[in-house]
Amino acid sequence: MANGSIGETVILRENKTTEAVEWSLAKLRKAFKFSIVIVSLLVFWEIAPRIGLVNVTFFPPLTEVLQAWWQLFISGDLAEHLIASLLRSGGGFLLAIAISIPLGLAIGWWKPVAEYLNPLLELMRNTAVLALLPVFILLLGLGETSKIAIVLYACSFPLLLNTVSGVKNVDPLLIKSARSMGLTSIRLFYKVIIPAALPTIFVGIRQAGASSILVLVAAEMVGAQSGLGYFIQYAQFNFQIPSMYAGIITISFIGVVVNYLLVALEKRLTRWKQTYSE
């Protein structure tokens, strides 16, 4: 009996070891697939200027760009422009969430609201955001208000359209089942409609997060004395090419971090979706 128990213990340990090895290999394969293209691009960036494939003056090696980035970070210049951009984009982004999601829920759920507002929304969403930048500057000036307003405008339509789509595409069977259980319209809205529409709403939130950065950078290039857009243009005009690329890398990094945080928040708020899919 003792020998049998020992044998079972050994077999269990071997199975656990095998599972751990397989899990590690799966993680390594996933990490390889995720990073191979990016690593290859970075290697090309380092090698191409050094072997003369591109002009080193206009496209310096990656190591020089990283050195410029580090010097800007140590001096505090990069942090100053980064904070200015984050405050503007974050302010416009949060205002857009606070306004557009409730409005989108109302448009998607109540037909009278949709009938009145849809024509105006269709007209406004087909107008290029950056084409309106001069209007924002004329009306609101070159200060912070115009920057936050243009970000708010750019973020509003991805949020609105995805929220409306999420509400309208809720499974009718869920609504019928909830009503058959005696839920009032208000409880139906909060208990069924909003949770079911949440994944689609988060698609709009992620799109709006990307738009908040991209539009702000363009706005800062036109009329600003601080921010990453202003810094990139200033570095270009003064022929500080490594610093220019350092600013561009910073913007890319911010976009990745914002997207990662939003994906993590989405997973946390839609655990039911992951559990069902698993």
Protein backbone atom coordinates (compact mmCIF):
# COMPACT_ATOMS: atom_id res chain seq x y z
CA MET A 1 0.00 0.00 0.00
CA ALA A 2 2.79 2.36 0.92
CA ASN A 3 4.58 1.65 -2.37
CA GLY A 4 1.35 2.32 -4.27
CA SER A 5 0.87 5.68 -2.54
CA ILE A 6 4.45 6.65 -3.27
CA GLY A 7 3.99 5.71 -6.92
CA GLU A 8 0.83 7.79 -7.21
CA THR A 9 2.61 10.75 -5.61
CA VAL A 10 5.50 10.45 -8.06
CA ILE A 11 3.09 10.26 -11.01
CA LEU A 12 1.19 13.34 -9.79
CA ARG A 13 4.43 15.29 -9.42
CA GLU A 14 5.53 14.26 -12.92
CA ASN A 15 2.15 15.35 -14.34
CA LYS A 16 2.39 18.72 -12.58
CA THR A 17 5.94 19.19 -13.86
CA THR A 18 4.83 18.33 -17.41
CA GLU A 19 1.91 20.78 -17.19
CA ALA A 20 4.21 23.51 -15.88
CA VAL A 21 6.67 22.95 -18.74
CA GLU A 22 3.87 22.98 -21.32
CA TRP A 23 2.44 26.15 -19.79
CA SER A 24 5.87 27.83 -19.90
CA LEU A 25 6.43 26.81 -23.52
CA ALA A 26 2.98 28.13 -24.47
CA LYS A 27 3.79 31.47 -22.81
CA LEU A 28 7.13 31.64 -24.61
CA ARG A 29 5.51 30.93 -27.96
CA LYS A 30 2.91 33.61 -27.31
CA ALA A 31 5.58 36.13 -26.28
CA PHE A 32 7.62 35.27 -29.40
CA LYS A 33 4.65 35.79 -31.73
CA PHE A 34 3.77 39.01 -29.97
CA SER A 35 7.23 40.56 -30.08
CA ILE A 36 9.01 39.18 -33.15
CA VAL A 37 7.72 41.80 -35.61
CA ILE A 38 8.36 44.71 -33.23
CA VAL A 39 11.86 43.48 -32.38
CA SER A 40 12.63 43.01 -36.08
CA LEU A 41 11.47 46.58 -36.80
CA LEU A 42 13.67 47.96 -34.00
CA VAL A 43 16.68 46.00 -35.27
CA PHE A 44 16.08 47.32 -38.77
CA TRP A 45 15.82 50.85 -37.36
CA GLU A 46 19.25 50.44 -35.77
CA ILE A 47 20.97 48.80 -38.72
CA ALA A 48 19.46 50.60 -41.74
CA PRO A 49 21.05 54.03 -41.07
CA ARG A 50 24.42 52.50 -40.20
CA ILE A 51 24.72 50.56 -43.46
CA GLY A 52 23.46 53.43 -45.61
CA LEU A 53 19.98 52.19 -46.53
CA VAL A 54 18.56 55.52 -45.33
CA ASN A 55 20.06 58.93 -44.71
CA VAL A 56 21.44 58.90 -41.17
CA THR A 57 20.85 62.65 -40.88
CA PHE A 58 17.09 62.30 -41.26
CA PHE A 59 16.71 58.80 -39.80
CA PRO A 60 19.26 58.31 -37.00
CA PRO A 61 19.86 54.88 -35.43
CA LEU A 62 17.60 53.79 -32.61
CA THR A 63 20.38 54.00 -30.03
CA GLU A 64 20.89 57.71 -30.77
CA VAL A 65 17.16 58.33 -30.44
CA LEU A 66 17.08 56.49 -27.11
CA GLN A 67 20.06 58.52 -25.89
CA ALA A 68 18.25 61.73 -26.84
CA TRP A 69 15.12 60.47 -25.07
CA TRP A 70 17.11 59.76 -21.90
CA GLN A 71 18.71 63.19 -21.91
CA LEU A 72 15.30 64.82 -22.34
CA PHE A 73 13.94 62.70 -19.52
CA ILE A 74 16.77 63.60 -17.15
CA SER A 75 16.55 67.30 -17.94
CA GLY A 76 12.79 67.33 -17.28
CA ASP A 77 11.94 68.85 -20.68
CA LEU A 78 10.12 65.72 -21.81
CA ALA A 79 8.11 65.46 -18.59
CA GLU A 80 6.95 69.07 -18.92
CA HIS A 81 5.55 68.54 -22.41
CA LEU A 82 4.20 65.10 -21.54
CA ILE A 83 2.23 66.38 -18.55
CA ALA A 84 0.78 69.21 -20.62
CA SER A 85 -0.42 66.80 -23.30
CA LEU A 86 -1.81 64.27 -20.82
CA LEU A 87 -3.82 66.93 -19.00
CA ARG A 88 -5.35 68.18 -22.24
CA SER A 89 -6.09 64.78 -23.76
CA GLY A 90 -7.26 63.32 -20.46
CA GLY A 91 -9.57 66.24 -19.79
CA GLY A 92 -11.20 66.08 -23.22
CA PHE A 93 -11.41 62.28 -23.10
CA LEU A 94 -13.11 62.16 -19.69
CA LEU A 95 -15.54 64.93 -20.64
CA ALA A 96 -16.43 63.00 -23.80
CA ILE A 97 -17.13 59.86 -21.75
CA ALA A 98 -19.28 61.81 -19.29
CA ILE A 99 -21.34 63.39 -22.08
CA SER A 100 -21.36 60.92 -24.97
CA ILE A 101 -22.09 57.62 -23.23
CA PRO A 102 -25.29 58.82 -21.46
CA LEU A 103 -26.36 60.56 -24.67
CA GLY A 104 -25.64 57.43 -26.72
CA LEU A 105 -27.63 55.28 -24.30
CA ALA A 106 -30.57 57.68 -24.62
CA ILE A 107 -30.38 57.72 -28.43
CA GLY A 108 -30.13 53.94 -28.64
CA TRP A 109 -32.95 53.20 -26.20
CA TRP A 110 -35.52 55.97 -26.64
CA LYS A 111 -36.78 56.47 -30.19
CA PRO A 112 -37.98 60.09 -29.73
CA VAL A 113 -34.47 61.14 -28.70
CA ALA A 114 -33.00 59.36 -31.73
CA GLU A 115 -35.48 60.98 -34.11
CA TYR A 116 -34.54 64.48 -32.97
CA LEU A 117 -30.76 64.05 -32.64
CA ASN A 118 -29.77 61.60 -35.39
CA PRO A 119 -29.85 64.15 -38.27
CA LEU A 120 -27.59 66.55 -36.37
CA LEU A 121 -25.19 63.77 -35.36
CA GLU A 122 -24.95 62.48 -38.93
CA LEU A 123 -24.07 65.97 -40.13
CA MET A 124 -21.45 66.60 -37.45
CA ARG A 125 -19.74 63.20 -37.51
CA ASN A 126 -19.01 63.50 -41.24
CA THR A 127 -17.10 66.74 -40.71
CA ALA A 128 -13.32 66.24 -40.39
CA VAL A 129 -12.18 67.11 -36.88
CA LEU A 130 -8.99 68.88 -37.88
CA ALA A 131 -10.90 70.96 -40.43
CA LEU A 132 -12.71 72.52 -37.46
CA LEU A 133 -9.52 73.33 -35.58
CA PRO A 134 -9.36 76.92 -36.90
CA VAL A 135 -12.94 77.42 -35.74
CA PHE A 136 -12.11 76.22 -32.23
CA ILE A 137 -9.07 78.51 -32.12
CA LEU A 138 -11.07 81.52 -33.35
CA LEU A 139 -13.87 80.96 -30.86
CA LEU A 140 -11.89 79.74 -27.86
CA GLY A 141 -8.42 81.18 -28.43
CA LEU A 142 -5.01 79.51 -28.33
CA GLY A 143 -5.25 78.52 -24.66
CA GLU A 144 -6.10 75.24 -23.02
CA THR A 145 -9.83 75.53 -23.68
CA SER A 146 -9.54 75.11 -27.44
CA LYS A 147 -7.26 72.06 -27.07
CA ILE A 148 -9.59 70.32 -24.64
CA ALA A 149 -12.60 71.22 -26.79
CA ILE A 150 -11.13 69.72 -29.97
CA VAL A 151 -10.25 66.52 -28.08
CA LEU A 152 -13.79 66.42 -26.67
CA TYR A 153 -15.24 66.79 -30.16
CA ALA A 154 -12.95 64.11 -31.63
CA CYS A 155 -13.70 61.60 -28.87
CA SER A 156 -17.45 62.13 -28.82
CA PHE A 157 -18.39 60.40 -32.05
CA PRO A 158 -16.61 57.05 -31.56
CA LEU A 159 -18.22 56.91 -28.12
CA LEU A 160 -21.66 57.94 -29.38
CA LEU A 161 -21.76 55.59 -32.37
CA ASN A 162 -20.52 52.54 -30.48
CA THR A 163 -22.83 53.20 -27.54
CA VAL A 164 -25.85 53.52 -29.83
CA SER A 165 -24.80 50.39 -31.71
CA GLY A 166 -24.30 48.46 -28.47
CA VAL A 167 -27.79 49.35 -27.21
CA LYS A 168 -29.54 48.61 -30.50
CA ASN A 169 -27.81 45.24 -30.91
CA VAL A 170 -28.76 43.83 -27.51
CA ASP A 171 -30.24 40.36 -28.00
CA PRO A 172 -34.07 40.74 -28.13
CA LEU A 173 -34.42 37.44 -26.26
CA LEU A 174 -32.66 38.97 -23.26
CA ILE A 175 -35.10 41.88 -23.27
CA LYS A 176 -38.13 39.59 -23.60
CA SER A 177 -36.87 37.32 -20.83
CA ALA A 178 -36.27 40.27 -18.52
CA ARG A 179 -39.72 41.69 -19.20
CA SER A 180 -41.35 38.30 -18.64
CA MET A 181 -39.75 38.30 -15.19
CA GLY A 182 -41.51 41.54 -14.36
CA LEU A 183 -38.60 44.01 -14.59
CA THR A 184 -39.63 47.62 -14.93
CA SER A 185 -38.23 49.71 -17.80
CA ILE A 186 -35.68 51.38 -15.53
CA ARG A 187 -34.46 48.11 -14.01
CA LEU A 188 -34.40 46.53 -17.47
CA PHE A 189 -32.22 49.38 -18.68
CA TYR A 190 -29.71 49.09 -15.82
CA LYS A 191 -29.74 45.31 -15.38
CA VAL A 192 -29.83 44.16 -19.01
CA ILE A 193 -29.25 46.88 -21.59
CA ILE A 194 -26.16 48.55 -20.12
CA PRO A 195 -24.29 45.31 -19.24
CA ALA A 196 -25.07 43.79 -22.66
CA ALA A 197 -23.93 46.94 -24.47
CA LEU A 198 -20.77 47.36 -22.38
CA PRO A 199 -18.36 45.43 -24.67
CA THR A 200 -19.36 47.55 -27.67
CA ILE A 201 -19.15 50.71 -25.57
CA PHE A 202 -15.58 49.82 -24.66
CA VAL A 203 -14.71 49.55 -28.34
CA GLY A 204 -15.74 53.20 -28.62
CA ILE A 205 -13.80 54.09 -25.47
CA ARG A 206 -10.61 52.57 -26.90
CA GLN A 207 -11.12 54.35 -30.23
CA ALA A 208 -11.73 57.60 -28.39
CA GLY A 209 -8.59 57.07 -26.31
CA ALA A 210 -6.51 56.82 -29.48
CA SER A 211 -8.25 59.83 -31.02
CA SER A 212 -7.64 61.95 -27.93
CA ILE A 213 -3.87 61.64 -28.38
CA LEU A 214 -3.69 61.89 -32.17
CA VAL A 215 -5.95 64.91 -32.51
CA LEU A 216 -4.28 66.72 -29.63
CA VAL A 217 -0.82 66.29 -31.16
CA ALA A 218 -2.05 67.87 -34.40
CA ALA A 219 -3.71 70.70 -32.47
CA GLU A 220 -0.51 71.36 -30.49
CA MET A 221 1.46 71.64 -33.71
CA VAL A 222 -0.81 74.46 -34.90
CA GLY A 223 -1.06 76.65 -31.84
CA ALA A 224 0.64 75.79 -28.55
CA GLN A 225 3.70 76.60 -26.50
CA SER A 226 3.90 73.24 -24.77
CA GLY A 227 2.91 69.63 -25.31
CA LEU A 228 4.37 66.75 -27.29
CA GLY A 229 2.99 68.02 -30.62
CA TYR A 230 4.63 71.39 -30.08
CA PHE A 231 7.85 69.70 -28.96
CA ILE A 232 8.03 67.47 -32.07
CA GLN A 233 7.51 70.39 -34.41
CA TYR A 234 9.99 72.55 -32.48
CA ALA A 235 12.62 69.80 -32.69
CA GLN A 236 12.03 69.44 -36.44
CA PHE A 237 12.35 73.19 -37.09
CA ASN A 238 15.59 73.30 -35.09
CA PHE A 239 16.89 70.17 -36.83
CA GLN A 240 17.08 68.20 -33.58
CA ILE A 241 16.12 65.00 -35.36
CA PRO A 242 16.87 62.47 -32.56
CA SER A 243 14.77 64.57 -30.16
CA MET A 244 11.97 64.66 -32.72
CA TYR A 245 11.90 60.86 -32.91
CA ALA A 246 12.11 60.70 -29.11
CA GLY A 247 8.87 62.68 -28.95
CA ILE A 248 7.23 60.39 -31.50
CA ILE A 249 8.28 57.30 -29.51
CA THR A 250 6.82 58.85 -26.37
CA ILE A 251 3.47 59.35 -28.09
CA SER A 252 3.48 55.73 -29.30
CA PHE A 253 4.30 54.50 -25.79
CA ILE A 254 1.44 56.56 -24.31
CA GLY A 255 -0.96 55.05 -26.84
CA VAL A 256 0.09 51.51 -25.94
CA VAL A 257 -0.21 52.17 -22.20
CA VAL A 258 -3.65 53.80 -22.54
CA ASN A 259 -4.92 50.93 -24.68
CA TYR A 260 -3.55 48.35 -22.21
CA LEU A 261 -5.24 50.07 -19.27
CA LEU A 262 -8.56 50.28 -21.10
CA VAL A 263 -8.38 46.59 -22.09
CA ALA A 264 -7.65 45.66 -18.46
CA LEU A 265 -10.60 47.76 -17.29
CA GLU A 266 -12.85 46.18 -19.90
CA LYS A 267 -11.89 42.66 -18.76
CA ARG A 268 -12.61 43.63 -15.17
CA LEU A 269 -16.05 45.06 -15.97
CA THR A 270 -17.06 42.30 -18.39
CA ARG A 271 -15.96 39.21 -16.52
CA TRP A 272 -19.23 37.55 -17.44
CA LYS A 273 -18.23 37.75 -21.09
CA GLN A 274 -14.87 36.04 -20.52
CA THR A 275 -16.43 33.37 -18.33
CA TYR A 276 -19.04 32.60 -20.98
CA SER A 277 -16.48 32.50 -23.81
CA GLU A 278 -14.20 30.21 -21.81
